[in-house]
Amino acid sequence: MASFFSSLKTERTARKICRTRDKARAEVFDYIERFYTPRRRDPKLGYLSPMEIEARATLP
């Protein structure tokens, strides 16, 4: 969890000021859904990311 929050702070929220709480929530949601979740390595998937699993499934 610590690495998630560290990367969230450095990659998404550093030096960025959101004018409303809703804008800040949208930024965090966008980071999680578009960047973090598709690329994180999952031990249940053999330490492959969901994107890697999907790419392997579509290979001929």
Protein backbone atom coordinates (compact mmCIF):
# COMPACT_ATOMS: atom_id res chain seq x y z
CA MET A 1 0.00 0.00 0.00
CA ALA A 2 2.85 2.36 0.77
CA SER A 3 4.25 2.06 -2.75
CA PHE A 4 0.80 2.81 -4.19
CA PHE A 5 0.49 6.04 -2.22
CA SER A 6 4.06 7.00 -3.01
CA SER A 7 3.53 6.59 -6.74
CA LEU A 8 0.15 8.34 -6.54
CA LYS A 9 1.78 11.34 -4.89
CA THR A 10 4.76 11.55 -7.23
CA GLU A 11 3.06 10.71 -10.52
CA ARG A 12 -0.34 12.29 -10.18
CA THR A 13 -0.74 14.82 -7.41
CA ALA A 14 2.70 16.39 -7.02
CA ARG A 15 2.63 20.11 -7.74
CA LYS A 16 -1.04 19.94 -8.71
CA ILE A 17 -3.74 21.91 -6.96
CA CYS A 18 -7.35 20.83 -7.30
CA ARG A 19 -9.92 23.55 -6.74
CA THR A 20 -12.62 21.20 -5.47
CA ARG A 21 -12.78 17.95 -3.60
CA ASP A 22 -14.65 16.40 -6.53
CA LYS A 23 -11.79 17.30 -8.88
CA ALA A 24 -9.29 15.70 -6.49
CA ARG A 25 -11.41 12.54 -6.29
CA ALA A 26 -11.63 12.42 -10.07
CA GLU A 27 -7.83 12.70 -10.34
CA VAL A 28 -7.29 9.83 -7.89
CA PHE A 29 -9.94 7.68 -9.59
CA ASP A 30 -8.39 8.32 -13.00
CA TYR A 31 -4.95 7.34 -11.70
CA ILE A 32 -6.24 4.10 -10.20
CA GLU A 33 -8.38 3.03 -13.15
CA ARG A 34 -6.18 4.13 -16.05
CA PHE A 35 -2.67 3.71 -14.74
CA TYR A 36 -2.26 1.71 -11.55
CA THR A 37 -4.71 -1.18 -11.88
CA PRO A 38 -3.86 -2.24 -15.46
CA ARG A 39 -0.11 -2.21 -14.80
CA ARG A 40 0.29 -3.55 -11.27
CA ARG A 41 1.67 -7.04 -10.94
CA ASP A 42 -0.65 -9.47 -9.21
CA PRO A 43 0.62 -12.54 -7.32
CA LYS A 44 -2.57 -14.42 -8.25
CA LEU A 45 -1.71 -13.89 -11.92
CA GLY A 46 1.85 -15.17 -11.56
CA TYR A 47 3.18 -11.64 -10.96
CA LEU A 48 2.00 -10.49 -14.36
CA SER A 49 -0.03 -7.36 -14.90
CA PRO A 50 -3.58 -7.58 -16.25
CA MET A 51 -2.32 -5.94 -19.45
CA GLU A 52 0.31 -8.69 -19.88
CA ILE A 53 -2.28 -11.42 -19.29
CA GLU A 54 -4.58 -9.85 -21.87
CA ALA A 55 -1.76 -9.50 -24.41
CA ARG A 56 -0.82 -13.17 -23.99
CA ALA A 57 -4.43 -14.24 -24.42
CA THR A 58 -4.72 -12.40 -27.75
CA LEU A 59 -1.54 -13.82 -29.27
CA PRO A 60 -2.11 -16.31 -32.09
